[in-house]
Protein backbone atom coordinates (compact mmCIF):
# COMPACT_ATOMS: atom_id res chain seq x y z
CA MET A 1 116.45 97.37 101.03
CA ASN A 2 117.14 97.64 104.75
CA ASP A 3 114.72 95.52 106.95
CA ALA A 4 114.46 98.29 109.64
CA LEU A 5 112.86 100.48 106.84
CA LEU A 6 109.83 98.38 106.93
CA GLN A 7 109.76 97.81 110.72
CA GLY A 8 108.00 99.91 113.44
CA ALA A 9 107.63 99.44 117.15
CA LEU A 10 104.65 97.02 116.88
CA VAL A 11 104.43 95.88 113.42
CA ARG A 12 106.45 95.13 110.25
CA LEU A 13 105.38 95.40 106.62
CA ALA A 14 105.91 92.41 104.34
CA ALA A 15 105.15 91.31 100.72
CA PRO A 16 101.80 89.87 100.52
CA ASN A 17 101.95 86.05 99.75
CA PRO A 18 98.88 84.81 97.87
CA GLU A 19 99.45 81.17 98.96
CA THR A 20 99.68 81.92 102.76
CA ASP A 21 97.80 85.18 103.29
CA ALA A 22 94.49 84.75 101.12
CA GLU A 23 92.70 82.61 103.71
CA THR A 24 93.25 84.92 106.49
CA ILE A 25 92.33 88.04 104.65
CA ALA A 26 89.30 86.25 103.24
CA ALA A 27 88.05 85.47 106.85
CA TRP A 28 88.01 89.14 107.58
CA SER A 29 85.20 89.68 104.93
CA ARG A 30 82.92 87.96 107.54
CA ASP A 31 83.13 90.98 109.75
CA SER A 32 80.64 93.52 108.11
CA GLU A 33 81.98 96.36 110.41
CA PHE A 34 85.49 95.83 108.98
CA GLN A 35 84.12 96.07 105.54
CA HIS A 36 82.14 99.18 106.46
CA LEU A 37 85.26 100.70 107.38
CA LEU A 38 86.91 100.15 104.16
CA GLU A 39 84.52 100.01 101.30
CA THR A 40 81.74 102.19 100.06
CA GLY A 41 79.72 99.20 98.57
CA VAL A 42 77.67 96.56 100.39
CA PRO A 43 79.67 94.13 102.44
CA ARG A 44 80.54 90.89 100.70
CA LEU A 45 81.89 87.67 101.64
CA ARG A 46 85.04 86.83 99.83
CA THR A 47 86.70 83.51 99.18
CA ALA A 48 90.26 82.67 99.60
CA GLY A 49 90.57 82.21 95.84
CA ALA A 50 89.19 85.61 95.15
CA VAL A 51 91.51 87.29 97.59
CA LYS A 52 94.41 85.34 96.05
CA ALA A 53 93.54 86.60 92.64
CA ASP A 54 93.38 90.07 94.03
CA ILE A 55 96.84 89.58 95.60
CA VAL A 56 98.36 88.20 92.48
CA GLU A 57 96.70 90.98 90.23
CA ILE A 58 97.87 93.87 92.56
CA ALA A 59 101.50 92.58 93.02
CA GLY A 60 101.77 90.67 89.76
CA ASP A 61 103.94 91.30 86.92
CA ASP A 62 101.20 92.78 84.47
CA LYS A 63 101.21 96.08 86.44
CA PRO A 64 103.96 98.43 86.59
CA ARG A 65 105.78 97.53 89.69
CA GLU A 66 107.04 101.15 90.12
CA GLN A 67 103.58 102.38 90.74
CA VAL A 68 101.90 99.98 93.18
CA PHE A 69 103.29 98.91 96.56
CA PRO A 70 101.28 96.48 98.35
CA PHE A 71 102.11 95.15 101.87
CA VAL A 72 100.63 93.04 104.43
CA ILE A 73 100.99 94.04 108.06
CA ARG A 74 102.32 91.55 110.61
CA ALA A 75 102.56 92.05 114.48
CA LEU A 76 106.18 91.95 115.70
CA ALA A 77 105.25 89.89 118.71
CA ASP A 78 104.29 86.73 116.88
CA ASP A 79 104.40 87.63 113.21
CA GLN A 80 100.70 87.28 112.91
CA LEU A 81 99.07 88.72 109.79
CA ILE A 82 96.89 91.61 111.06
CA GLY A 83 96.19 93.76 108.04
CA PHE A 84 97.17 95.17 104.82
CA THR A 85 98.21 98.49 103.34
CA ASP A 86 99.14 99.83 99.97
CA LEU A 87 100.57 102.81 98.23
CA GLU A 88 99.78 103.83 94.69
CA VAL A 89 101.67 106.41 92.80
CA ASN A 90 99.52 107.64 89.93
CA HIS A 91 102.01 110.09 88.32
CA TRP A 92 105.77 110.13 89.26
CA SER A 93 106.28 113.60 88.03
CA GLN A 94 103.78 114.68 90.77
CA ARG A 95 105.49 112.65 93.56
CA ASN A 96 102.08 111.88 95.13
CA ALA A 97 100.56 108.60 96.17
CA TRP A 98 97.24 107.46 97.46
CA ILE A 99 97.49 105.18 100.52
CA GLY A 100 95.00 102.81 102.13
CA ILE A 101 95.20 100.60 105.35
CA GLY A 102 92.96 97.97 107.05
CA ILE A 103 93.56 96.12 110.27
CA GLY A 104 91.40 92.98 110.28
CA PRO A 105 91.24 91.24 113.61
CA ARG A 106 89.27 93.39 116.34
CA ALA A 107 91.80 92.28 118.93
CA PHE A 108 94.20 94.65 117.14
CA TRP A 109 91.79 97.52 116.82
CA SER A 110 92.52 100.76 119.06
CA LYS A 111 95.85 99.40 120.15
CA GLY A 112 98.32 101.57 118.05
CA TYR A 113 98.93 98.87 115.31
CA GLY A 114 97.42 100.85 112.46
CA THR A 115 99.21 104.08 113.63
CA ASP A 116 102.48 102.21 113.76
CA ALA A 117 101.90 100.61 110.28
CA MET A 118 101.11 103.98 108.86
CA ARG A 119 104.31 105.44 110.29
CA VAL A 120 106.22 102.82 108.73
CA LEU A 121 104.56 103.28 105.30
CA MET A 122 105.06 106.87 105.44
CA ARG A 123 108.76 106.45 106.17
CA PHE A 124 108.95 104.16 103.09
CA ALA A 125 107.20 106.66 101.04
CA PHE A 126 109.25 109.71 101.90
CA THR A 127 112.59 108.13 102.33
CA GLU A 128 112.77 105.26 99.86
CA LEU A 129 110.31 106.60 97.20
CA ASN A 130 111.16 110.20 97.69
CA LEU A 131 107.53 111.25 97.49
CA GLU A 132 106.43 114.76 98.29
CA ARG A 133 102.94 114.09 99.55
CA LEU A 134 100.54 111.28 100.67
CA THR A 135 96.82 111.30 100.26
CA LEU A 136 94.02 109.24 101.65
CA ASN A 137 90.36 109.20 102.26
CA VAL A 138 88.28 108.11 105.34
CA PHE A 139 84.67 107.91 106.25
CA ALA A 140 83.47 110.33 108.78
CA TYR A 141 82.12 107.56 111.09
CA ASN A 142 85.52 105.98 111.32
CA GLU A 143 86.71 107.99 114.31
CA ARG A 144 89.46 105.66 115.22
CA ALA A 145 91.08 106.00 111.77
CA LEU A 146 90.72 109.83 111.84
CA ARG A 147 92.34 109.95 115.42
CA SER A 148 95.17 107.66 114.00
CA TYR A 149 95.82 109.64 110.75
CA LEU A 150 95.72 112.96 112.86
CA LYS A 151 98.24 111.56 115.22
CA THR A 152 100.71 110.56 112.49
CA GLY A 153 100.48 114.23 110.90
CA PHE A 154 97.77 113.97 108.27
CA GLN A 155 95.69 117.10 107.93
CA VAL A 156 92.04 117.25 106.71
CA GLU A 157 92.07 118.86 103.21
CA GLY A 158 88.42 118.51 102.31
CA ARG A 159 85.23 116.49 102.42
CA GLN A 160 82.49 115.23 100.17
CA ARG A 161 79.37 115.86 101.92
CA GLU A 162 77.00 112.97 102.50
CA ARG A 163 79.08 110.76 99.98
CA LEU A 164 78.09 107.48 101.63
CA ARG A 165 74.92 105.71 102.86
CA ARG A 166 74.98 103.40 105.82
CA GLY A 167 71.58 102.30 107.08
CA SER A 168 69.31 105.20 107.18
CA ARG A 169 72.08 107.84 107.52
CA ARG A 170 74.40 109.53 104.91
CA TYR A 171 78.08 110.27 105.85
CA ASP A 172 80.88 112.61 104.60
CA MET A 173 83.90 111.18 102.96
CA ILE A 174 86.91 113.07 104.37
CA PHE A 175 90.11 113.56 102.41
CA MET A 176 93.40 113.96 104.23
CA GLY A 177 97.05 114.60 103.21
CA ILE A 178 100.52 114.90 104.51
CA LEU A 179 103.46 116.72 102.86
CA ARG A 180 107.08 115.57 103.10
CA ASP A 181 108.16 118.59 104.99
CA GLU A 182 105.34 118.11 107.48
CA TRP A 183 106.45 114.45 107.98
CA HIS A 184 110.08 115.30 108.14
CA GLY A 185 109.34 118.00 110.96
CA ARG A 186 107.37 115.30 113.04
CA ARG A 187 109.54 112.17 112.75
CA PRO A 188 111.73 111.03 115.44
CA LEU A 189 115.52 111.35 114.87
CA THR A 190 115.91 107.52 114.70
CA CYS A 191 114.12 107.25 111.37
């Protein structure tokens, strides 16, 4: 695989390494806001051992490698681990994948790193995997993520009203998608 395929303007996607990445990812669990942006459940502290086991399970040999594509996100400037993303193809015949992304350190929020990582993941999905559509969900209160997804070409396709409770309020879960042809029409000629 061409290294440029997994590199953007600010980040590169890399294979997760359970030995070196688990401690950093576990530290992000101490930030309840970060957890609220990703999970529907109650925030939980995670140990490096638990994260390591998750990485091994997701990327391990016991799962069909052709269906799950986990990556970590590294800043190009200093190769710092700043997040993770994954892509899961449920049925190859449908050529659709669900994707997710998280940027851990707050210093990298709202600076384009997540948007750049999403663009790289989309390029991988549509050119290397030859997928036809990508789907994701986001909580209505995560306005940064919504802006980022819209910027990369995703469209709102539906919502589950009041799907999630945070504090004393309920929030919608928004479903978004992008089709290969829509991505192809938006991408720069250099991709």
